[in-house]
Amino acid sequence: MPSAGSPSPPGLGAPRRRAHALELVLDEAGDLDVRQRWARLEDAGVPSLARHAGVTHRPHVTLLSGPRPSGEVLDMAGEGVAQRLPVSLDVAGLGLLGAPGRSTLAELVGAPGWLRAAQEELLGLWPGADPRPWVPHLTLARRLPPASVAVALEALEALEALHDSTPPGPTQRRLVGLRWWDPDQGLVVPLGPAPGAQSASSQ
């Protein structure tokens, strides 16, 4: 992969294909909470993922992305990840990802060892998949200049003050399903087992 400032690879001017992705989705309560955070950022004048108009778009943790995955990758994802859901992840707090001046504001979550091992196994099976170290997170806003980062943090702090949270913010996110985002077809394919997991709130 070329580093910043290195020559562009051949074909860079050609239209880029959108990446396929394996996405871990939240339970209803977590989904609603993240959407409220998106809305709060918008109210503060910070562009958030609330602006994403796609009907399939929802808060998620990207497990891995890349070119169109093979059947072997999808089968492994279903058996090695989806069938072990639901799982609760600890929230580590807010973080900034990416280059300064174009930062992504995200809620960072900690993944258990088995999930990290499964992600690494999928990476080995998926030619062309994103090889960067996996940082599990929920994206709140993208491409933020420094001034917008400060506004965003203040807005989220104010939201928690309204909820009178102690400690501030959520402490866990519950992942209940895995899906494949297919940009070629513009659809998502559930890999399981979200319907049963969502009803198993006592687990």
N, C-alpha and C. Protein backbone atom coordinates (compact mmCIF):
# COMPACT_ATOMS: atom_id res chain seq x y z
N MET A 1 0.85 -1.19 0.00
CA MET A 1 0.00 0.00 0.00
C MET A 1 0.89 1.24 0.00
N PRO A 2 0.64 2.20 -0.94
CA PRO A 2 1.48 3.38 -0.96
C PRO A 2 1.24 4.24 0.27
N SER A 3 2.31 4.85 0.77
CA SER A 3 2.19 5.73 1.92
C SER A 3 1.88 7.13 1.44
N ALA A 4 1.52 8.00 2.38
CA ALA A 4 1.21 9.38 2.03
C ALA A 4 2.41 10.01 1.34
N GLY A 5 2.16 10.67 0.21
CA GLY A 5 3.24 11.34 -0.51
C GLY A 5 3.94 10.46 -1.52
N SER A 6 3.62 9.17 -1.58
CA SER A 6 4.25 8.28 -2.56
C SER A 6 3.52 8.38 -3.87
N PRO A 7 4.14 7.96 -4.98
CA PRO A 7 3.48 8.05 -6.29
C PRO A 7 2.18 7.27 -6.30
N SER A 8 1.22 7.77 -7.05
CA SER A 8 -0.06 7.08 -7.15
C SER A 8 0.09 5.82 -7.98
N PRO A 9 -0.56 4.74 -7.59
CA PRO A 9 -0.47 3.51 -8.36
C PRO A 9 -1.20 3.64 -9.69
N PRO A 10 -0.86 2.80 -10.67
CA PRO A 10 -1.54 2.85 -11.96
C PRO A 10 -3.04 2.66 -11.78
N GLY A 11 -3.79 3.40 -12.59
CA GLY A 11 -5.24 3.23 -12.57
C GLY A 11 -5.94 4.01 -11.50
N LEU A 12 -5.22 4.89 -10.77
CA LEU A 12 -5.85 5.62 -9.69
C LEU A 12 -6.93 6.54 -10.20
N GLY A 13 -6.80 7.03 -11.45
CA GLY A 13 -7.79 7.93 -12.00
C GLY A 13 -9.08 7.24 -12.40
N ALA A 14 -9.07 5.92 -12.46
CA ALA A 14 -10.28 5.19 -12.84
C ALA A 14 -11.27 5.17 -11.69
N PRO A 15 -12.58 5.01 -11.98
CA PRO A 15 -13.57 4.95 -10.90
C PRO A 15 -13.23 3.83 -9.92
N ARG A 16 -13.28 4.15 -8.63
CA ARG A 16 -12.97 3.15 -7.61
C ARG A 16 -14.22 2.38 -7.22
N ARG A 17 -14.07 1.08 -7.10
CA ARG A 17 -15.20 0.24 -6.67
C ARG A 17 -15.38 0.38 -5.16
N ARG A 18 -16.61 0.46 -4.74
CA ARG A 18 -16.90 0.56 -3.32
C ARG A 18 -16.62 -0.79 -2.66
N ALA A 19 -16.11 -0.73 -1.44
CA ALA A 19 -15.72 -1.95 -0.74
C ALA A 19 -16.92 -2.69 -0.19
N HIS A 20 -16.85 -4.01 -0.28
CA HIS A 20 -17.79 -4.87 0.43
C HIS A 20 -17.38 -4.87 1.90
N ALA A 21 -18.31 -5.20 2.77
CA ALA A 21 -17.98 -5.17 4.20
C ALA A 21 -18.79 -6.19 4.97
N LEU A 22 -18.17 -6.71 6.02
CA LEU A 22 -18.87 -7.52 7.01
C LEU A 22 -19.11 -6.63 8.22
N GLU A 23 -20.37 -6.47 8.60
CA GLU A 23 -20.75 -5.49 9.62
C GLU A 23 -21.46 -6.16 10.78
N LEU A 24 -21.03 -5.82 11.98
CA LEU A 24 -21.67 -6.28 13.21
C LEU A 24 -22.66 -5.22 13.65
N VAL A 25 -23.93 -5.61 13.83
CA VAL A 25 -24.97 -4.64 14.14
C VAL A 25 -25.41 -4.73 15.59
N LEU A 26 -25.96 -3.63 16.09
CA LEU A 26 -26.32 -3.49 17.49
C LEU A 26 -27.74 -3.94 17.78
N ASP A 27 -28.02 -4.13 19.06
CA ASP A 27 -29.39 -4.36 19.48
C ASP A 27 -30.18 -3.06 19.34
N GLU A 28 -31.49 -3.12 19.56
CA GLU A 28 -32.34 -1.96 19.32
C GLU A 28 -31.95 -0.78 20.21
N ALA A 29 -31.66 -1.04 21.47
CA ALA A 29 -31.32 0.05 22.38
C ALA A 29 -30.03 0.74 21.96
N GLY A 30 -29.02 -0.05 21.61
CA GLY A 30 -27.76 0.54 21.18
C GLY A 30 -27.88 1.28 19.87
N ASP A 31 -28.65 0.72 18.94
CA ASP A 31 -28.88 1.36 17.65
C ASP A 31 -29.51 2.74 17.86
N LEU A 32 -30.54 2.80 18.71
CA LEU A 32 -31.23 4.06 18.98
C LEU A 32 -30.28 5.06 19.64
N ASP A 33 -29.46 4.60 20.57
CA ASP A 33 -28.55 5.49 21.28
C ASP A 33 -27.54 6.12 20.33
N VAL A 34 -26.98 5.32 19.43
CA VAL A 34 -26.01 5.87 18.48
C VAL A 34 -26.69 6.86 17.54
N ARG A 35 -27.91 6.55 17.11
CA ARG A 35 -28.63 7.49 16.25
C ARG A 35 -28.90 8.80 16.97
N GLN A 36 -29.16 8.74 18.27
CA GLN A 36 -29.35 9.96 19.04
C GLN A 36 -28.06 10.78 19.07
N ARG A 37 -26.94 10.11 19.13
CA ARG A 37 -25.65 10.82 19.10
C ARG A 37 -25.42 11.46 17.74
N TRP A 38 -25.75 10.76 16.68
CA TRP A 38 -25.67 11.36 15.35
C TRP A 38 -26.52 12.62 15.28
N ALA A 39 -27.76 12.52 15.78
CA ALA A 39 -28.68 13.66 15.72
C ALA A 39 -28.17 14.83 16.55
N ARG A 40 -27.58 14.53 17.71
CA ARG A 40 -27.05 15.58 18.56
C ARG A 40 -25.92 16.33 17.86
N LEU A 41 -25.07 15.60 17.15
CA LEU A 41 -24.00 16.24 16.39
C LEU A 41 -24.56 17.14 15.30
N GLU A 42 -25.57 16.65 14.60
CA GLU A 42 -26.20 17.46 13.56
C GLU A 42 -26.79 18.74 14.14
N ASP A 43 -27.44 18.63 15.30
CA ASP A 43 -28.01 19.81 15.94
C ASP A 43 -26.94 20.83 16.29
N ALA A 44 -25.72 20.36 16.55
CA ALA A 44 -24.61 21.25 16.90
C ALA A 44 -23.88 21.76 15.66
N GLY A 45 -24.35 21.38 14.47
CA GLY A 45 -23.72 21.82 13.24
C GLY A 45 -22.57 20.98 12.78
N VAL A 46 -22.44 19.78 13.35
CA VAL A 46 -21.36 18.87 12.97
C VAL A 46 -21.93 17.78 12.06
N PRO A 47 -21.47 17.68 10.80
CA PRO A 47 -21.99 16.63 9.92
C PRO A 47 -21.71 15.24 10.49
N SER A 48 -22.76 14.44 10.64
CA SER A 48 -22.61 13.11 11.21
C SER A 48 -23.13 12.07 10.24
N LEU A 49 -23.09 10.81 10.66
CA LEU A 49 -23.59 9.75 9.80
C LEU A 49 -25.11 9.76 9.69
N ALA A 50 -25.77 10.65 10.40
CA ALA A 50 -27.22 10.82 10.23
C ALA A 50 -27.54 11.27 8.81
N ARG A 51 -26.57 11.84 8.12
CA ARG A 51 -26.80 12.32 6.76
C ARG A 51 -26.78 11.21 5.72
N HIS A 52 -26.38 10.02 6.13
CA HIS A 52 -26.35 8.89 5.20
C HIS A 52 -27.79 8.48 4.89
N ALA A 53 -28.18 8.64 3.63
CA ALA A 53 -29.59 8.45 3.27
C ALA A 53 -29.94 7.01 2.90
N GLY A 54 -28.98 6.12 2.84
CA GLY A 54 -29.27 4.75 2.42
C GLY A 54 -30.22 4.04 3.36
N VAL A 55 -31.20 3.33 2.80
CA VAL A 55 -32.20 2.65 3.64
C VAL A 55 -31.60 1.50 4.43
N THR A 56 -30.46 0.98 3.97
CA THR A 56 -29.82 -0.13 4.68
C THR A 56 -28.81 0.35 5.72
N HIS A 57 -28.59 1.65 5.78
CA HIS A 57 -27.57 2.18 6.68
C HIS A 57 -28.04 2.14 8.13
N ARG A 58 -27.17 1.64 9.01
CA ARG A 58 -27.46 1.63 10.44
C ARG A 58 -26.14 1.59 11.20
N PRO A 59 -26.15 1.97 12.48
CA PRO A 59 -24.91 1.90 13.26
C PRO A 59 -24.33 0.48 13.25
N HIS A 60 -23.02 0.38 13.13
CA HIS A 60 -22.40 -0.94 13.06
C HIS A 60 -20.91 -0.85 13.37
N VAL A 61 -20.34 -1.99 13.67
CA VAL A 61 -18.89 -2.15 13.80
C VAL A 61 -18.42 -2.95 12.59
N THR A 62 -17.57 -2.36 11.77
CA THR A 62 -17.07 -3.08 10.60
C THR A 62 -16.05 -4.12 11.05
N LEU A 63 -16.32 -5.37 10.70
CA LEU A 63 -15.40 -6.45 11.04
C LEU A 63 -14.25 -6.52 10.06
N LEU A 64 -14.56 -6.37 8.76
CA LEU A 64 -13.54 -6.42 7.71
C LEU A 64 -14.18 -5.94 6.42
N SER A 65 -13.37 -5.33 5.55
CA SER A 65 -13.86 -4.88 4.26
C SER A 65 -12.86 -5.20 3.18
N GLY A 66 -13.33 -5.21 1.93
CA GLY A 66 -12.46 -5.53 0.83
C GLY A 66 -13.25 -5.75 -0.45
N PRO A 67 -12.66 -6.38 -1.45
CA PRO A 67 -13.40 -6.71 -2.67
C PRO A 67 -14.46 -7.77 -2.37
N ARG A 68 -15.22 -8.14 -3.37
CA ARG A 68 -16.30 -9.09 -3.15
C ARG A 68 -15.78 -10.37 -2.48
N PRO A 69 -16.35 -10.73 -1.33
CA PRO A 69 -15.84 -11.91 -0.61
C PRO A 69 -16.29 -13.21 -1.27
N SER A 70 -15.50 -14.24 -1.08
CA SER A 70 -15.83 -15.56 -1.60
C SER A 70 -16.86 -16.24 -0.71
N GLY A 71 -17.42 -17.32 -1.22
CA GLY A 71 -18.33 -18.11 -0.40
C GLY A 71 -17.66 -18.67 0.84
N GLU A 72 -16.37 -19.00 0.72
CA GLU A 72 -15.63 -19.52 1.87
C GLU A 72 -15.55 -18.48 2.98
N VAL A 73 -15.31 -17.22 2.60
CA VAL A 73 -15.25 -16.15 3.59
C VAL A 73 -16.60 -15.96 4.27
N LEU A 74 -17.67 -15.95 3.48
CA LEU A 74 -19.00 -15.75 4.05
C LEU A 74 -19.39 -16.91 4.96
N ASP A 75 -19.04 -18.12 4.55
CA ASP A 75 -19.36 -19.29 5.38
C ASP A 75 -18.61 -19.22 6.71
N MET A 76 -17.32 -18.85 6.64
CA MET A 76 -16.54 -18.77 7.86
C MET A 76 -17.07 -17.67 8.78
N ALA A 77 -17.47 -16.54 8.17
CA ALA A 77 -18.02 -15.44 8.97
C ALA A 77 -19.30 -15.88 9.67
N GLY A 78 -20.14 -16.62 8.95
CA GLY A 78 -21.38 -17.09 9.56
C GLY A 78 -21.15 -18.07 10.68
N GLU A 79 -20.23 -19.02 10.45
CA GLU A 79 -19.98 -20.07 11.45
C GLU A 79 -19.09 -19.59 12.59
N GLY A 80 -18.07 -18.79 12.25
CA GLY A 80 -17.09 -18.40 13.26
C GLY A 80 -17.44 -17.16 14.05
N VAL A 81 -18.36 -16.35 13.51
CA VAL A 81 -18.72 -15.11 14.19
C VAL A 81 -20.21 -15.05 14.49
N ALA A 82 -21.03 -15.10 13.44
CA ALA A 82 -22.47 -14.88 13.62
C ALA A 82 -23.09 -15.87 14.60
N GLN A 83 -22.66 -17.12 14.52
CA GLN A 83 -23.25 -18.14 15.39
C GLN A 83 -22.83 -17.99 16.85
N ARG A 84 -21.87 -17.12 17.13
CA ARG A 84 -21.44 -16.90 18.51
C ARG A 84 -22.05 -15.63 19.11
N LEU A 85 -22.88 -14.96 18.34
CA LEU A 85 -23.55 -13.76 18.82
C LEU A 85 -24.82 -14.15 19.57
N PRO A 86 -25.30 -13.29 20.49
CA PRO A 86 -24.85 -11.94 20.77
C PRO A 86 -23.62 -11.90 21.68
N VAL A 87 -22.95 -10.75 21.66
CA VAL A 87 -21.82 -10.52 22.54
C VAL A 87 -21.82 -9.05 22.94
N SER A 88 -21.45 -8.77 24.18
CA SER A 88 -21.38 -7.40 24.67
C SER A 88 -19.93 -6.94 24.69
N LEU A 89 -19.69 -5.75 24.14
CA LEU A 89 -18.35 -5.18 24.09
C LEU A 89 -18.28 -3.98 25.01
N ASP A 90 -17.18 -3.87 25.75
CA ASP A 90 -16.98 -2.71 26.62
C ASP A 90 -16.65 -1.48 25.77
N VAL A 91 -17.24 -0.35 26.14
CA VAL A 91 -16.96 0.92 25.47
C VAL A 91 -15.72 1.54 26.12
N ALA A 92 -14.71 1.82 25.30
CA ALA A 92 -13.47 2.40 25.81
C ALA A 92 -13.53 3.93 25.86
N GLY A 93 -14.45 4.51 25.11
CA GLY A 93 -14.56 5.96 25.06
C GLY A 93 -14.50 6.46 23.63
N LEU A 94 -14.45 7.78 23.47
CA LEU A 94 -14.37 8.39 22.15
C LEU A 94 -12.93 8.46 21.69
N GLY A 95 -12.73 8.39 20.38
CA GLY A 95 -11.39 8.47 19.83
C GLY A 95 -11.42 9.11 18.46
N LEU A 96 -10.27 9.60 18.01
CA LEU A 96 -10.12 10.17 16.68
C LEU A 96 -9.26 9.23 15.85
N LEU A 97 -9.76 8.86 14.69
CA LEU A 97 -9.05 7.97 13.78
C LEU A 97 -8.74 8.72 12.50
N GLY A 98 -7.65 8.35 11.85
CA GLY A 98 -7.31 8.96 10.58
C GLY A 98 -6.37 10.15 10.73
N ALA A 99 -6.19 10.85 9.60
CA ALA A 99 -5.22 11.95 9.54
C ALA A 99 -5.76 13.20 10.22
N PRO A 100 -4.89 13.97 10.87
CA PRO A 100 -5.31 15.25 11.46
C PRO A 100 -5.92 16.16 10.40
N GLY A 101 -6.98 16.83 10.77
CA GLY A 101 -7.67 17.70 9.83
C GLY A 101 -8.77 17.02 9.06
N ARG A 102 -8.75 15.71 9.03
CA ARG A 102 -9.81 14.92 8.38
C ARG A 102 -10.14 13.71 9.26
N SER A 103 -10.31 13.99 10.53
CA SER A 103 -10.45 12.92 11.52
C SER A 103 -11.83 12.30 11.50
N THR A 104 -11.87 11.02 11.86
CA THR A 104 -13.13 10.32 12.12
C THR A 104 -13.34 10.27 13.62
N LEU A 105 -14.49 10.77 14.07
CA LEU A 105 -14.85 10.68 15.48
C LEU A 105 -15.60 9.37 15.69
N ALA A 106 -15.10 8.56 16.60
CA ALA A 106 -15.66 7.22 16.77
C ALA A 106 -15.77 6.87 18.24
N GLU A 107 -16.69 5.95 18.51
CA GLU A 107 -16.79 5.34 19.83
C GLU A 107 -16.02 4.02 19.76
N LEU A 108 -14.95 3.93 20.53
CA LEU A 108 -14.10 2.74 20.50
C LEU A 108 -14.65 1.66 21.43
N VAL A 109 -14.60 0.42 20.97
CA VAL A 109 -15.09 -0.70 21.77
C VAL A 109 -14.02 -1.79 21.81
N GLY A 110 -14.02 -2.55 22.89
CA GLY A 110 -13.05 -3.62 23.05
C GLY A 110 -13.63 -4.96 22.63
N ALA A 111 -12.95 -5.66 21.74
CA ALA A 111 -13.43 -6.95 21.25
C ALA A 111 -12.78 -8.09 22.03
N PRO A 112 -13.54 -9.15 22.33
CA PRO A 112 -12.96 -10.31 23.02
C PRO A 112 -11.97 -11.05 22.13
N GLY A 113 -11.14 -11.88 22.75
CA GLY A 113 -10.10 -12.58 22.02
C GLY A 113 -10.62 -13.43 20.88
N TRP A 114 -11.76 -14.13 21.11
CA TRP A 114 -12.27 -15.02 20.05
C TRP A 114 -12.69 -14.22 18.82
N LEU A 115 -13.22 -13.00 19.02
CA LEU A 115 -13.65 -12.18 17.89
C LEU A 115 -12.45 -11.64 17.13
N ARG A 116 -11.41 -11.26 17.85
CA ARG A 116 -10.19 -10.81 17.17
C ARG A 116 -9.54 -11.94 16.38
N ALA A 117 -9.56 -13.14 16.96
CA ALA A 117 -8.99 -14.28 16.26
C ALA A 117 -9.78 -14.59 14.99
N ALA A 118 -11.10 -14.49 15.07
CA ALA A 118 -11.94 -14.74 13.90
C ALA A 118 -11.69 -13.69 12.82
N GLN A 119 -11.51 -12.43 13.24
CA GLN A 119 -11.23 -11.37 12.27
C GLN A 119 -9.91 -11.64 11.55
N GLU A 120 -8.91 -12.08 12.27
CA GLU A 120 -7.61 -12.38 11.66
C GLU A 120 -7.72 -13.57 10.71
N GLU A 121 -8.53 -14.55 11.08
CA GLU A 121 -8.71 -15.71 10.19
C GLU A 121 -9.41 -15.30 8.90
N LEU A 122 -10.41 -14.45 9.01
CA LEU A 122 -11.10 -13.95 7.82
C LEU A 122 -10.15 -13.17 6.93
N LEU A 123 -9.29 -12.36 7.54
CA LEU A 123 -8.31 -11.59 6.77
C LEU A 123 -7.42 -12.52 5.95
N GLY A 124 -7.03 -13.64 6.54
CA GLY A 124 -6.19 -14.59 5.82
C GLY A 124 -6.89 -15.29 4.69
N LEU A 125 -8.23 -15.37 4.76
CA LEU A 125 -9.01 -16.05 3.72
C LEU A 125 -9.47 -15.12 2.61
N TRP A 126 -9.34 -13.81 2.82
CA TRP A 126 -9.97 -12.83 1.93
C TRP A 126 -8.91 -12.02 1.19
N PRO A 127 -8.52 -12.43 -0.01
CA PRO A 127 -7.51 -11.68 -0.77
C PRO A 127 -7.97 -10.25 -1.04
N GLY A 128 -7.09 -9.30 -0.78
CA GLY A 128 -7.41 -7.91 -1.04
C GLY A 128 -8.14 -7.20 0.09
N ALA A 129 -8.44 -7.92 1.17
CA ALA A 129 -9.13 -7.28 2.30
C ALA A 129 -8.21 -6.27 2.97
N ASP A 130 -8.82 -5.31 3.66
CA ASP A 130 -8.07 -4.24 4.33
C ASP A 130 -7.11 -4.85 5.35
N PRO A 131 -5.79 -4.70 5.16
CA PRO A 131 -4.82 -5.37 6.04
C PRO A 131 -4.45 -4.56 7.29
N ARG A 132 -4.99 -3.36 7.43
CA ARG A 132 -4.61 -2.54 8.57
C ARG A 132 -5.09 -3.17 9.87
N PRO A 133 -4.38 -2.91 10.98
CA PRO A 133 -4.81 -3.44 12.28
C PRO A 133 -6.26 -3.05 12.56
N TRP A 134 -7.01 -4.01 13.06
CA TRP A 134 -8.43 -3.78 13.32
C TRP A 134 -8.62 -2.95 14.58
N VAL A 135 -9.35 -1.85 14.45
CA VAL A 135 -9.71 -0.99 15.59
C VAL A 135 -11.23 -1.00 15.67
N PRO A 136 -11.83 -1.86 16.48
CA PRO A 136 -13.30 -1.94 16.53
C PRO A 136 -13.90 -0.62 17.00
N HIS A 137 -14.86 -0.10 16.25
CA HIS A 137 -15.44 1.20 16.61
C HIS A 137 -16.78 1.40 15.91
N LEU A 138 -17.53 2.34 16.46
CA LEU A 138 -18.77 2.83 15.86
C LEU A 138 -18.51 4.25 15.39
N THR A 139 -18.68 4.51 14.11
CA THR A 139 -18.39 5.83 13.57
C THR A 139 -19.51 6.80 13.88
N LEU A 140 -19.13 7.98 14.37
CA LEU A 140 -20.09 9.04 14.67
C LEU A 140 -20.06 10.14 13.62
N ALA A 141 -18.87 10.52 13.18
CA ALA A 141 -18.72 11.57 12.17
C ALA A 141 -17.39 11.40 11.47
N ARG A 142 -17.34 11.86 10.21
CA ARG A 142 -16.12 11.68 9.40
C ARG A 142 -15.59 13.03 8.90
N ARG A 143 -14.30 13.03 8.56
CA ARG A 143 -13.63 14.15 7.90
C ARG A 143 -13.82 15.46 8.67
N LEU A 144 -13.54 15.42 9.95
CA LEU A 144 -13.74 16.60 10.79
C LEU A 144 -12.46 17.43 10.91
N PRO A 145 -12.55 18.74 10.68
CA PRO A 145 -11.42 19.61 11.00
C PRO A 145 -11.34 19.79 12.51
N PRO A 146 -10.20 20.27 13.02
CA PRO A 146 -10.04 20.40 14.47
C PRO A 146 -11.14 21.19 15.16
N ALA A 147 -11.61 22.27 14.56
CA ALA A 147 -12.65 23.08 15.20
C ALA A 147 -13.94 22.28 15.37
N SER A 148 -14.27 21.45 14.40
CA SER A 148 -15.49 20.65 14.49
C SER A 148 -15.36 19.55 15.53
N VAL A 149 -14.14 19.05 15.73
CA VAL A 149 -13.93 18.03 16.76
C VAL A 149 -14.29 18.59 18.13
N ALA A 150 -13.84 19.80 18.41
CA ALA A 150 -14.13 20.42 19.70
C ALA A 150 -15.63 20.61 19.89
N VAL A 151 -16.31 21.06 18.85
CA VAL A 151 -17.77 21.26 18.93
C VAL A 151 -18.46 19.92 19.15
N ALA A 152 -18.01 18.89 18.45
CA ALA A 152 -18.62 17.57 18.58
C ALA A 152 -18.49 17.03 20.00
N LEU A 153 -17.32 17.16 20.57
CA LEU A 153 -17.12 16.66 21.94
C LEU A 153 -17.99 17.40 22.93
N GLU A 154 -18.12 18.71 22.77
CA GLU A 154 -18.98 19.49 23.65
C GLU A 154 -20.43 19.06 23.51
N ALA A 155 -20.87 18.79 22.28
CA ALA A 155 -22.26 18.39 22.04
C ALA A 155 -22.55 17.05 22.69
N LEU A 156 -21.62 16.11 22.60
CA LEU A 156 -21.85 14.80 23.19
C LEU A 156 -21.81 14.86 24.71
N GLU A 157 -20.95 15.71 25.26
CA GLU A 157 -20.93 15.90 26.71
C GLU A 157 -22.25 16.48 27.20
N ALA A 158 -22.81 17.41 26.43
CA ALA A 158 -24.09 18.01 26.81
C ALA A 158 -25.20 16.97 26.75
N LEU A 159 -25.12 16.05 25.78
CA LEU A 159 -26.13 15.00 25.68
C LEU A 159 -26.10 14.11 26.91
N GLU A 160 -24.91 13.74 27.35
CA GLU A 160 -24.81 12.89 28.54
C GLU A 160 -25.28 13.63 29.79
N ALA A 161 -25.06 14.94 29.84
CA ALA A 161 -25.54 15.72 30.98
C ALA A 161 -27.07 15.70 31.04
N LEU A 162 -27.72 15.72 29.87
CA LEU A 162 -29.18 15.64 29.83
C LEU A 162 -29.67 14.31 30.38
N HIS A 163 -28.89 13.25 30.09
CA HIS A 163 -29.26 11.90 30.54
C HIS A 163 -28.83 11.65 31.98
N ASP A 164 -28.03 12.60 32.52
CA ASP A 164 -27.52 12.47 33.89
C ASP A 164 -26.78 11.15 34.08
N SER A 165 -25.90 10.83 33.11
CA SER A 165 -25.18 9.55 33.12
C SER A 165 -24.01 9.60 34.09
N THR A 166 -23.88 8.56 34.91
CA THR A 166 -22.74 8.41 35.81
C THR A 166 -22.32 6.94 35.81
N PRO A 167 -21.20 6.54 35.18
CA PRO A 167 -20.27 7.41 34.46
C PRO A 167 -20.87 7.89 33.14
N PRO A 168 -20.30 8.95 32.54
CA PRO A 168 -20.88 9.49 31.31
C PRO A 168 -20.79 8.50 30.16
N GLY A 169 -21.87 8.47 29.37
CA GLY A 169 -21.88 7.64 28.18
C GLY A 169 -22.14 6.18 28.46
N PRO A 170 -22.39 5.41 27.40
CA PRO A 170 -22.64 3.98 27.56
C PRO A 170 -21.40 3.25 28.01
N THR A 171 -21.57 2.16 28.71
CA THR A 171 -20.43 1.35 29.16
C THR A 171 -20.26 0.09 28.31
N GLN A 172 -21.33 -0.33 27.61
CA GLN A 172 -21.26 -1.51 26.76
C GLN A 172 -22.12 -1.31 25.52
N ARG A 173 -21.75 -2.04 24.47
CA ARG A 173 -22.56 -2.15 23.26
C ARG A 173 -22.79 -3.63 22.99
N ARG A 174 -24.02 -3.98 22.72
CA ARG A 174 -24.37 -5.38 22.49
C ARG A 174 -24.53 -5.64 20.99
N LEU A 175 -23.70 -6.52 20.47
CA LEU A 175 -23.75 -6.89 19.05
C LEU A 175 -24.62 -8.13 18.89
N VAL A 176 -25.59 -8.03 18.01
CA VAL A 176 -26.56 -9.13 17.91
C VAL A 176 -26.62 -9.79 16.53
N GLY A 177 -25.96 -9.23 15.55
CA GLY A 177 -26.04 -9.82 14.22
C GLY A 177 -24.87 -9.44 13.35
N LEU A 178 -24.65 -10.24 12.31
CA LEU A 178 -23.60 -10.00 11.33
C LEU A 178 -24.24 -9.97 9.95
N ARG A 179 -23.84 -9.00 9.15
CA ARG A 179 -24.39 -8.90 7.79
C ARG A 179 -23.28 -8.58 6.80
N TRP A 180 -23.56 -8.87 5.54
CA TRP A 180 -22.65 -8.57 4.45
C TRP A 180 -23.23 -7.42 3.66
N TRP A 181 -22.48 -6.31 3.58
CA TRP A 181 -22.89 -5.18 2.74
C TRP A 181 -22.32 -5.40 1.35
N ASP A 182 -23.23 -5.53 0.37
CA ASP A 182 -22.87 -5.76 -1.02
C ASP A 182 -23.16 -4.48 -1.80
N PRO A 183 -22.14 -3.63 -2.03
CA PRO A 183 -22.38 -2.37 -2.74
C PRO A 183 -22.70 -2.56 -4.21
N ASP A 184 -22.30 -3.71 -4.78
CA ASP A 184 -22.60 -3.96 -6.19
C ASP A 184 -24.09 -4.07 -6.42
N GLN A 185 -24.78 -4.70 -5.46
CA GLN A 185 -26.22 -4.88 -5.56
C GLN A 185 -26.99 -3.85 -4.73
N GLY A 186 -26.28 -3.11 -3.88
CA GLY A 186 -26.93 -2.12 -3.04
C GLY A 186 -27.82 -2.73 -1.98
N LEU A 187 -27.37 -3.84 -1.40
CA LEU A 187 -28.19 -4.51 -0.40
C LEU A 187 -27.31 -5.12 0.68
N VAL A 188 -27.97 -5.52 1.77
CA VAL A 188 -27.28 -6.23 2.84
C VAL A 188 -27.84 -7.64 2.94
N VAL A 189 -26.97 -8.57 3.25
CA VAL A 189 -27.35 -9.98 3.38
C VAL A 189 -27.07 -10.42 4.81
N PRO A 190 -28.09 -10.72 5.61
CA PRO A 190 -27.85 -11.19 6.98
C PRO A 190 -27.11 -12.52 6.97
N LEU A 191 -26.09 -12.63 7.81
CA LEU A 191 -25.35 -13.87 7.97
C LEU A 191 -25.73 -14.56 9.27
N GLY A 192 -26.61 -13.93 10.06
CA GLY A 192 -27.13 -14.49 11.30
C GLY A 192 -26.46 -13.90 12.52
N PRO A 193 -27.04 -14.18 13.70
CA PRO A 193 -28.38 -14.70 13.99
C PRO A 193 -29.24 -13.62 14.63
N ALA A 194 -29.30 -12.42 14.03
CA ALA A 194 -29.90 -11.26 14.68
C ALA A 194 -31.32 -11.45 15.23
N PRO A 195 -32.27 -12.06 14.50
CA PRO A 195 -33.63 -12.14 15.04
C PRO A 195 -33.69 -12.83 16.40
N GLY A 196 -33.04 -13.98 16.54
CA GLY A 196 -33.05 -14.67 17.82
C GLY A 196 -32.26 -13.94 18.88
N ALA A 197 -31.15 -13.33 18.45
CA ALA A 197 -30.29 -12.63 19.41
C ALA A 197 -31.01 -11.43 20.00
N GLN A 198 -31.78 -10.73 19.22
CA GLN A 198 -32.46 -9.54 19.70
C GLN A 198 -33.49 -9.89 20.75
N SER A 199 -34.05 -11.07 20.68
CA SER A 199 -35.05 -11.46 21.65
C SER A 199 -34.43 -12.05 22.90
N ALA A 200 -33.13 -12.32 22.83
CA ALA A 200 -32.44 -12.96 23.95
C ALA A 200 -31.76 -11.93 24.82
N SER A 201 -32.51 -10.91 25.25
CA SER A 201 -31.92 -9.80 25.98
C SER A 201 -31.43 -10.20 27.36
N SER A 202 -31.85 -11.36 27.84
CA SER A 202 -31.43 -11.78 29.18
C SER A 202 -30.09 -12.48 29.19
N GLN A 203 -29.53 -12.78 27.99
CA GLN A 203 -28.26 -13.50 27.94
C GLN A 203 -27.10 -12.62 28.38
